[in-house]
PDB file of N, CA and C in Angstrom:
ATOM      1  N   MET A   1      -3.163  15.490 -18.518  1.00  0.00           N
ATOM      2  CA  MET A   1      -3.489  14.156 -18.470  1.00  0.00           C
ATOM      3  C   MET A   1      -3.008  13.709 -16.979  1.00  0.00           C
ATOM      4  N   ASN A   2      -1.933  14.419 -16.679  1.00  0.00           N
ATOM      5  CA  ASN A   2      -1.373  13.890 -15.340  1.00  0.00           C
ATOM      6  C   ASN A   2      -2.284  14.069 -14.019  1.00  0.00           C
ATOM      7  N   SER A   3      -3.211  15.282 -14.268  1.00  0.00           N
ATOM      8  CA  SER A   3      -4.235  15.496 -13.284  1.00  0.00           C
ATOM      9  C   SER A   3      -5.313  14.273 -13.200  1.00  0.00           C
ATOM     10  N   ILE A   4      -5.752  14.062 -14.628  1.00  0.00           N
ATOM     11  CA  ILE A   4      -6.485  12.725 -14.527  1.00  0.00           C
ATOM     12  C   ILE A   4      -5.868  11.616 -13.832  1.00  0.00           C
ATOM     13  N   LYS A   5      -4.670  11.372 -14.147  1.00  0.00           N
ATOM     14  CA  LYS A   5      -4.068  10.015 -13.615  1.00  0.00           C
ATOM     15  C   LYS A   5      -4.053  10.169 -11.837  1.00  0.00           C
ATOM     16  N   ARG A   6      -3.804  11.330 -11.625  1.00  0.00           N
ATOM     17  CA  ARG A   6      -3.850  11.701 -10.057  1.00  0.00           C
ATOM     18  C   ARG A   6      -5.214  11.513  -9.575  1.00  0.00           C
ATOM     19  N   ALA A   7      -6.276  11.987 -10.157  1.00  0.00           N
ATOM     20  CA  ALA A   7      -7.485  11.950  -9.798  1.00  0.00           C
ATOM     21  C   ALA A   7      -8.086  10.540  -9.738  1.00  0.00           C
ATOM     22  N   LEU A   8      -7.623   9.747 -10.656  1.00  0.00           N
ATOM     23  CA  LEU A   8      -8.043   7.937 -10.787  1.00  0.00           C
ATOM     24  C   LEU A   8      -7.260   7.445  -9.809  1.00  0.00           C
ATOM     25  N   GLY A   9      -6.228   7.966  -9.388  1.00  0.00           N
ATOM     26  CA  GLY A   9      -5.518   7.241  -8.239  1.00  0.00           C
ATOM     27  C   GLY A   9      -6.199   7.367  -6.993  1.00  0.00           C
ATOM     28  N   ILE A  10      -6.884   8.639  -6.756  1.00  0.00           N
ATOM     29  CA  ILE A  10      -7.660   8.738  -5.573  1.00  0.00           C
ATOM     30  C   ILE A  10      -8.786   7.952  -5.716  1.00  0.00           C
ATOM     31  N   VAL A  11      -9.452   7.558  -6.808  1.00  0.00           N
ATOM     32  CA  VAL A  11     -10.429   6.986  -6.994  1.00  0.00           C
ATOM     33  C   VAL A  11     -10.233   5.509  -6.628  1.00  0.00           C
ATOM     34  N   TRP A  12      -9.062   5.093  -7.132  1.00  0.00           N
ATOM     35  CA  TRP A  12      -8.641   3.395  -6.830  1.00  0.00           C
ATOM     36  C   TRP A  12      -8.328   3.306  -5.482  1.00  0.00           C
ATOM     37  N   LEU A  13      -7.877   4.374  -4.667  1.00  0.00           N
ATOM     38  CA  LEU A  13      -7.563   4.223  -3.464  1.00  0.00           C
ATOM     39  C   LEU A  13      -8.830   4.125  -2.581  1.00  0.00           C
ATOM     40  N   ILE A  14      -9.816   4.876  -3.037  1.00  0.00           N
ATOM     41  CA  ILE A  14     -11.068   4.812  -2.212  1.00  0.00           C
ATOM     42  C   ILE A  14     -11.953   3.484  -2.651  1.00  0.00           C
ATOM     43  N   LEU A  15     -11.928   3.221  -3.989  1.00  0.00           N
ATOM     44  CA  LEU A  15     -12.834   2.335  -4.333  1.00  0.00           C
ATOM     45  C   LEU A  15     -12.248   0.854  -3.893  1.00  0.00           C
ATOM     46  N   ALA A  16     -11.089   0.512  -3.912  1.00  0.00           N
ATOM     47  CA  ALA A  16     -10.614  -0.870  -3.367  1.00  0.00           C
ATOM     48  C   ALA A  16     -11.128  -1.428  -2.159  1.00  0.00           C
ATOM     49  N   PRO A  17     -10.851  -0.403  -0.949  1.00  0.00           N
ATOM     50  CA  PRO A  17     -11.354  -0.949   0.322  1.00  0.00           C
ATOM     51  C   PRO A  17     -12.874  -0.904   0.394  1.00  0.00           C
ATOM     52  N   ALA A  18     -13.725  -0.188  -0.228  1.00  0.00           N
ATOM     53  CA  ALA A  18     -14.991  -0.104  -0.485  1.00  0.00           C
ATOM     54  C   ALA A  18     -15.381  -1.453  -0.955  1.00  0.00           C
ATOM     55  N   VAL A  19     -14.782  -1.689  -1.926  1.00  0.00           N
ATOM     56  CA  VAL A  19     -15.329  -3.187  -2.836  1.00  0.00           C
ATOM     57  C   VAL A  19     -15.238  -4.247  -1.793  1.00  0.00           C
ATOM     58  N   ILE A  20     -14.057  -4.470  -0.971  1.00  0.00           N
ATOM     59  CA  ILE A  20     -13.747  -5.351   0.039  1.00  0.00           C
ATOM     60  C   ILE A  20     -14.570  -5.214   1.158  1.00  0.00           C
ATOM     61  N   TYR A  21     -15.139  -4.284   1.648  1.00  0.00           N
ATOM     62  CA  TYR A  21     -15.876  -4.035   2.494  1.00  0.00           C
ATOM     63  C   TYR A  21     -17.345  -4.506   2.058  1.00  0.00           C
ATOM     64  N   PHE A  22     -17.537  -4.200   1.118  1.00  0.00           N
ATOM     65  CA  PHE A  22     -19.146  -4.701   0.639  1.00  0.00           C
ATOM     66  C   PHE A  22     -18.953  -6.074   0.225  1.00  0.00           C
ATOM     67  N   LEU A  23     -18.093  -6.669  -0.068  1.00  0.00           N
ATOM     68  CA  LEU A  23     -18.052  -7.993  -0.418  1.00  0.00           C
ATOM     69  C   LEU A  23     -18.303  -8.787   1.107  1.00  0.00           C
ATOM     70  N   VAL A  24     -17.362  -8.130   1.848  1.00  0.00           N
ATOM     71  CA  VAL A  24     -17.526  -8.872   3.188  1.00  0.00           C
ATOM     72  C   VAL A  24     -18.975  -8.790   3.903  1.00  0.00           C
ATOM     73  N   ASP A  25     -19.399  -7.649   3.778  1.00  0.00           N
ATOM     74  CA  ASP A  25     -20.678  -7.249   4.602  1.00  0.00           C
ATOM     75  C   ASP A  25     -21.763  -8.084   3.788  1.00  0.00           C
ATOM     76  N   ARG A  26     -21.771  -8.218   2.334  1.00  0.00           N
ATOM     77  CA  ARG A  26     -22.675  -9.051   1.611  1.00  0.00           C
ATOM     78  C   ARG A  26     -22.599 -10.579   2.248  1.00  0.00           C
ATOM     79  N   ALA A  27     -21.235 -10.931   2.166  1.00  0.00           N
ATOM     80  CA  ALA A  27     -21.332 -12.389   2.772  1.00  0.00           C
ATOM     81  C   ALA A  27     -21.917 -12.588   4.049  1.00  0.00           C
ATOM     82  N   ILE A  28     -21.656 -11.761   5.147  1.00  0.00           N
ATOM     83  CA  ILE A  28     -22.423 -12.002   6.334  1.00  0.00           C
ATOM     84  C   ILE A  28     -23.797 -11.919   6.396  1.00  0.00           C
ATOM     85  N   VAL A  29     -24.283 -11.021   5.318  1.00  0.00           N
ATOM     86  CA  VAL A  29     -25.911 -10.963   5.197  1.00  0.00           C
ATOM     87  C   VAL A  29     -26.414 -12.396   4.498  1.00  0.00           C
ATOM     88  N   HIS A  30     -25.743 -12.708   3.544  1.00  0.00           N
ATOM     89  CA  HIS A  30     -26.205 -13.891   2.831  1.00  0.00           C
ATOM     90  C   HIS A  30     -25.621 -15.229   3.408  1.00  0.00           C
ATOM     91  N   ILE A  31     -24.574 -15.516   4.060  1.00  0.00           N
ATOM     92  CA  ILE A  31     -24.509 -16.925   4.457  1.00  0.00           C
ATOM     93  C   ILE A  31     -25.408 -17.213   5.545  1.00  0.00           C
ATOM     94  N   ASP A  32     -26.106 -18.291   5.142  1.00  0.00           N
ATOM     95  CA  ASP A  32     -27.083 -18.947   6.010  1.00  0.00           C
ATOM     96  C   ASP A  32     -27.043 -20.583   5.859  1.00  0.00           C
ATOM     97  N   PRO A  33     -26.602 -21.199   7.073  1.00  0.00           N
ATOM     98  CA  PRO A  33     -26.674 -22.451   7.047  1.00  0.00           C
ATOM     99  C   PRO A  33     -27.808 -23.214   6.588  1.00  0.00           C
ATOM    100  N   ALA A  34     -28.728 -22.708   6.791  1.00  0.00           N
ATOM    101  CA  ALA A  34     -30.424 -23.222   6.349  1.00  0.00           C
ATOM    102  C   ALA A  34     -30.645 -22.911   4.820  1.00  0.00           C
ATOM    103  N   GLY A  35     -29.926 -22.134   4.329  1.00  0.00           N
ATOM    104  CA  GLY A  35     -30.280 -21.640   3.034  1.00  0.00           C
ATOM    105  C   GLY A  35     -30.136 -22.940   1.960  1.00  0.00           C
ATOM    106  N   LYS A  36     -30.916 -22.910   0.898  1.00  0.00           N
ATOM    107  CA  LYS A  36     -30.717 -24.022  -0.195  1.00  0.00           C
ATOM    108  C   LYS A  36     -29.812 -23.538  -1.496  1.00  0.00           C
ATOM    109  N   LYS A  37     -29.653 -22.197  -1.767  1.00  0.00           N
ATOM    110  CA  LYS A  37     -29.184 -21.526  -2.591  1.00  0.00           C
ATOM    111  C   LYS A  37     -27.605 -21.404  -2.674  1.00  0.00           C
ATOM    112  N   ASP A  38     -27.011 -21.310  -3.716  1.00  0.00           N
ATOM    113  CA  ASP A  38     -25.464 -21.323  -3.734  1.00  0.00           C
ATOM    114  C   ASP A  38     -24.965 -19.977  -2.892  1.00  0.00           C
ATOM    115  N   ILE A  39     -25.695 -18.929  -2.919  1.00  0.00           N
ATOM    116  CA  ILE A  39     -25.345 -17.565  -2.349  1.00  0.00           C
ATOM    117  C   ILE A  39     -25.306 -17.803  -1.016  1.00  0.00           C
ATOM    118  N   ASN A  40     -26.022 -18.869  -0.416  1.00  0.00           N
ATOM    119  CA  ASN A  40     -25.801 -19.007   1.321  1.00  0.00           C
ATOM    120  C   ASN A  40     -24.567 -19.981   1.354  1.00  0.00           C
ATOM    121  N   ASN A  41     -23.773 -20.385   0.559  1.00  0.00           N
ATOM    122  CA  ASN A  41     -22.747 -21.339   1.050  1.00  0.00           C
ATOM    123  C   ASN A  41     -21.362 -20.494   1.309  1.00  0.00           C
ATOM    124  N   PRO A  42     -21.167 -20.725   2.408  1.00  0.00           N
ATOM    125  CA  PRO A  42     -19.772 -19.757   2.809  1.00  0.00           C
ATOM    126  C   PRO A  42     -18.513 -20.064   2.146  1.00  0.00           C
ATOM    127  N   VAL A  43     -18.523 -21.279   1.553  1.00  0.00           N
ATOM    128  CA  VAL A  43     -17.292 -21.590   0.669  1.00  0.00           C
ATOM    129  C   VAL A  43     -17.175 -20.690  -0.753  1.00  0.00           C
ATOM    130  N   ILE A  44     -18.271 -20.393  -1.516  1.00  0.00           N
ATOM    131  CA  ILE A  44     -18.444 -19.491  -2.313  1.00  0.00           C
ATOM    132  C   ILE A  44     -18.040 -18.138  -1.884  1.00  0.00           C
ATOM    133  N   TRP A  45     -18.330 -17.671  -0.940  1.00  0.00           N
ATOM    134  CA  TRP A  45     -17.907 -16.503  -0.530  1.00  0.00           C
ATOM    135  C   TRP A  45     -16.308 -16.200  -0.164  1.00  0.00           C
ATOM    136  N   ILE A  46     -16.047 -17.259   0.428  1.00  0.00           N
ATOM    137  CA  ILE A  46     -14.438 -17.443   0.752  1.00  0.00           C
ATOM    138  C   ILE A  46     -13.712 -17.326  -0.690  1.00  0.00           C
ATOM    139  N   ILE A  47     -14.247 -18.094  -1.441  1.00  0.00           N
ATOM    140  CA  ILE A  47     -13.540 -17.951  -2.896  1.00  0.00           C
ATOM    141  C   ILE A  47     -13.565 -16.763  -3.526  1.00  0.00           C
ATOM    142  N   ILE A  48     -14.795 -15.962  -3.423  1.00  0.00           N
ATOM    143  CA  ILE A  48     -14.814 -14.719  -4.250  1.00  0.00           C
ATOM    144  C   ILE A  48     -14.110 -13.545  -3.470  1.00  0.00           C
ATOM    145  N   ILE A  49     -14.091 -13.820  -1.937  1.00  0.00           N
ATOM    146  CA  ILE A  49     -13.257 -12.696  -1.325  1.00  0.00           C
ATOM    147  C   ILE A  49     -11.846 -13.103  -1.493  1.00  0.00           C
ATOM    148  N   GLY A  50     -11.627 -14.251  -1.599  1.00  0.00           N
ATOM    149  CA  GLY A  50     -10.006 -14.560  -1.777  1.00  0.00           C
ATOM    150  C   GLY A  50      -9.392 -14.192  -3.074  1.00  0.00           C
ATOM    151  N   ILE A  51     -10.279 -14.108  -3.923  1.00  0.00           N
ATOM    152  CA  ILE A  51      -9.797 -13.905  -5.354  1.00  0.00           C
ATOM    153  C   ILE A  51      -9.880 -12.236  -5.565  1.00  0.00           C
ATOM    154  N   PHE A  52     -10.965 -11.594  -5.018  1.00  0.00           N
ATOM    155  CA  PHE A  52     -11.021 -10.102  -5.338  1.00  0.00           C
ATOM    156  C   PHE A  52     -10.033  -9.391  -4.087  1.00  0.00           C
ATOM    157  N   THR A  53      -9.612  -9.888  -3.068  1.00  0.00           N
ATOM    158  CA  THR A  53      -8.822  -9.105  -2.156  1.00  0.00           C
ATOM    159  C   THR A  53      -7.353  -8.716  -2.731  1.00  0.00           C
ATOM    160  N   PRO A  54      -6.837  -9.565  -3.637  1.00  0.00           N
ATOM    161  CA  PRO A  54      -5.335  -9.332  -3.936  1.00  0.00           C
ATOM    162  C   PRO A  54      -5.617  -8.305  -5.272  1.00  0.00           C
ATOM    163  N   ILE A  55      -6.853  -8.389  -5.963  1.00  0.00           N
ATOM    164  CA  ILE A  55      -7.088  -7.533  -6.965  1.00  0.00           C
ATOM    165  C   ILE A  55      -7.162  -6.104  -6.499  1.00  0.00           C
ATOM    166  N   ALA A  56      -7.794  -6.055  -5.249  1.00  0.00           N
ATOM    167  CA  ALA A  56      -8.259  -4.808  -4.632  1.00  0.00           C
ATOM    168  C   ALA A  56      -6.879  -4.086  -4.140  1.00  0.00           C
ATOM    169  N   ILE A  57      -6.034  -5.037  -3.711  1.00  0.00           N
ATOM    170  CA  ILE A  57      -4.745  -4.449  -3.143  1.00  0.00           C
ATOM    171  C   ILE A  57      -4.013  -3.938  -4.158  1.00  0.00           C
ATOM    172  N   GLY A  58      -3.959  -4.564  -5.239  1.00  0.00           N
ATOM    173  CA  GLY A  58      -3.149  -3.991  -6.492  1.00  0.00           C
ATOM    174  C   GLY A  58      -3.769  -2.767  -6.905  1.00  0.00           C
ATOM    175  N   LEU A  59      -5.082  -2.622  -6.921  1.00  0.00           N
ATOM    176  CA  LEU A  59      -5.528  -1.401  -7.321  1.00  0.00           C
ATOM    177  C   LEU A  59      -5.238  -0.116  -6.318  1.00  0.00           C
ATOM    178  N   MET A  60      -5.239  -0.565  -4.938  1.00  0.00           N
ATOM    179  CA  MET A  60      -4.653   0.531  -3.955  1.00  0.00           C
ATOM    180  C   MET A  60      -3.183   0.894  -4.292  1.00  0.00           C
ATOM    181  N   ILE A  61      -2.325  -0.105  -4.689  1.00  0.00           N
ATOM    182  CA  ILE A  61      -1.052   0.308  -5.082  1.00  0.00           C
ATOM    183  C   ILE A  61      -1.077   1.064  -6.102  1.00  0.00           C
ATOM    184  N   PHE A  62      -1.631   0.721  -7.072  1.00  0.00           N
ATOM    185  CA  PHE A  62      -1.748   1.612  -8.440  1.00  0.00           C
ATOM    186  C   PHE A  62      -2.120   2.965  -8.134  1.00  0.00           C
ATOM    187  N   GLY A  63      -3.061   3.128  -7.419  1.00  0.00           N
ATOM    188  CA  GLY A  63      -3.675   4.297  -6.943  1.00  0.00           C
ATOM    189  C   GLY A  63      -2.564   5.117  -6.281  1.00  0.00           C
ATOM    190  N   TRP A  64      -1.982   4.645  -5.303  1.00  0.00           N
ATOM    191  CA  TRP A  64      -0.792   4.981  -4.693  1.00  0.00           C
ATOM    192  C   TRP A  64       0.162   5.838  -5.359  1.00  0.00           C
ATOM    193  N   TYR A  65       0.744   4.940  -6.178  1.00  0.00           N
ATOM    194  CA  TYR A  65       1.697   5.380  -7.265  1.00  0.00           C
ATOM    195  C   TYR A  65       1.368   6.494  -8.297  1.00  0.00           C
ATOM    196  N   ALA A  66      -0.041   6.465  -8.598  1.00  0.00           N
ATOM    197  CA  ALA A  66      -0.732   7.349  -9.508  1.00  0.00           C
ATOM    198  C   ALA A  66      -0.708   8.710  -8.816  1.00  0.00           C
ATOM    199  N   ILE A  67      -1.054   8.725  -7.423  1.00  0.00           N
ATOM    200  CA  ILE A  67      -1.100  10.008  -6.632  1.00  0.00           C
ATOM    201  C   ILE A  67       0.393  10.517  -6.420  1.00  0.00           C
ATOM    202  N   LYS A  68       1.213   9.658  -6.336  1.00  0.00           N
ATOM    203  CA  LYS A  68       2.788  10.059  -6.063  1.00  0.00           C
ATOM    204  C   LYS A  68       3.478  10.735  -7.283  1.00  0.00           C
ATOM    205  N   GLY A  69       2.721  10.376  -8.397  1.00  0.00           N
ATOM    206  CA  GLY A  69       3.315  11.164  -9.780  1.00  0.00           C
ATOM    207  C   GLY A  69       4.207   9.921 -10.473  1.00  0.00           C
ATOM    208  N   GLU A  70       4.284   8.637 -10.088  1.00  0.00           N
ATOM    209  CA  GLU A  70       5.088   7.896 -10.819  1.00  0.00           C
ATOM    210  C   GLU A  70       4.839   7.692 -12.101  1.00  0.00           C
ATOM    211  N   TYR A  71       3.547   7.842 -12.645  1.00  0.00           N
ATOM    212  CA  TYR A  71       3.199   7.746 -14.024  1.00  0.00           C
ATOM    213  C   TYR A  71       3.102   8.861 -14.892  1.00  0.00           C
ATOM    214  N   ASP A  72       3.615  10.080 -14.198  1.00  0.00           N
ATOM    215  CA  ASP A  72       3.555  11.394 -15.044  1.00  0.00           C
ATOM    216  C   ASP A  72       4.343  11.352 -16.284  1.00  0.00           C
ATOM    217  N   HIS A  73       5.641  10.571 -16.274  1.00  0.00           N
ATOM    218  CA  HIS A  73       6.579  10.545 -17.490  1.00  0.00           C
ATOM    219  C   HIS A  73       6.700   9.021 -17.813  1.00  0.00           C
ATOM    220  N   LEU A  74       5.921   8.678 -18.955  1.00  0.00           N
ATOM    221  CA  LEU A  74       6.205   7.107 -19.369  1.00  0.00           C
ATOM    222  C   LEU A  74       7.062   6.990 -20.262  1.00  0.00           C
ATOM    223  N   PRO A  75       8.121   5.957 -20.245  1.00  0.00           N
ATOM    224  CA  PRO A  75       9.198   5.921 -21.336  1.00  0.00           C
ATOM    225  C   PRO A  75       8.550   5.700 -22.812  1.00  0.00           C
ATOM    226  N   GLU A  76       9.109   6.464 -23.668  1.00  0.00           N
ATOM    227  CA  GLU A  76       8.610   6.107 -25.142  1.00  0.00           C
ATOM    228  C   GLU A  76       9.317   5.350 -25.856  1.00  0.00           C
ATOM    229  N   SER A  77      10.781   4.964 -25.271  1.00  0.00           N
ATOM    230  CA  SER A  77      11.378   4.112 -26.012  1.00  0.00           C
ATOM    231  C   SER A  77      12.353   3.230 -24.906  1.00  0.00           C
ATOM    232  N   SER A  78      13.016   2.183 -25.481  1.00  0.00           N
ATOM    233  CA  SER A  78      13.594   1.545 -24.447  1.00  0.00           C
ATOM    234  C   SER A  78      14.973   2.059 -23.871  1.00  0.00           C
ATOM    235  N   GLU A  79      15.575   3.054 -24.648  1.00  0.00           N
ATOM    236  CA  GLU A  79      16.648   3.820 -24.296  1.00  0.00           C
ATOM    237  C   GLU A  79      16.207   4.666 -22.950  1.00  0.00           C
ATOM    238  N   GLU A  80      15.169   5.200 -22.683  1.00  0.00           N
ATOM    239  CA  GLU A  80      14.723   5.903 -21.618  1.00  0.00           C
ATOM    240  C   GLU A  80      14.655   5.204 -20.254  1.00  0.00           C
ATOM    241  N   LEU A  81      14.604   3.723 -20.245  1.00  0.00           N
ATOM    242  CA  LEU A  81      14.303   2.821 -19.281  1.00  0.00           C
ATOM    243  C   LEU A  81      15.740   3.152 -18.534  1.00  0.00           C
ATOM    244  N   SER A  82      16.986   3.317 -18.927  1.00  0.00           N
ATOM    245  CA  SER A  82      18.199   3.093 -18.408  1.00  0.00           C
ATOM    246  C   SER A  82      18.415   4.524 -17.446  1.00  0.00           C
TER     247      SER A  82
END
């Protein structure tokens, strides 16, 4: 199970920047001042990127801790927290 956690940590570390890159790339492609659709509006893209960037950063942090092995032993009771 610990090897699965570490493997998924690598996935999160790779996936998070890829998602942000994909969002910014699609925003550059789709923003068009002459466009009439909602996807051409830059405000929508700023909102989407602004919401998903902290989520992606959180995934990167989660992945980093998973690779370091911080989740190898999870406490089973509150006495183990001390």
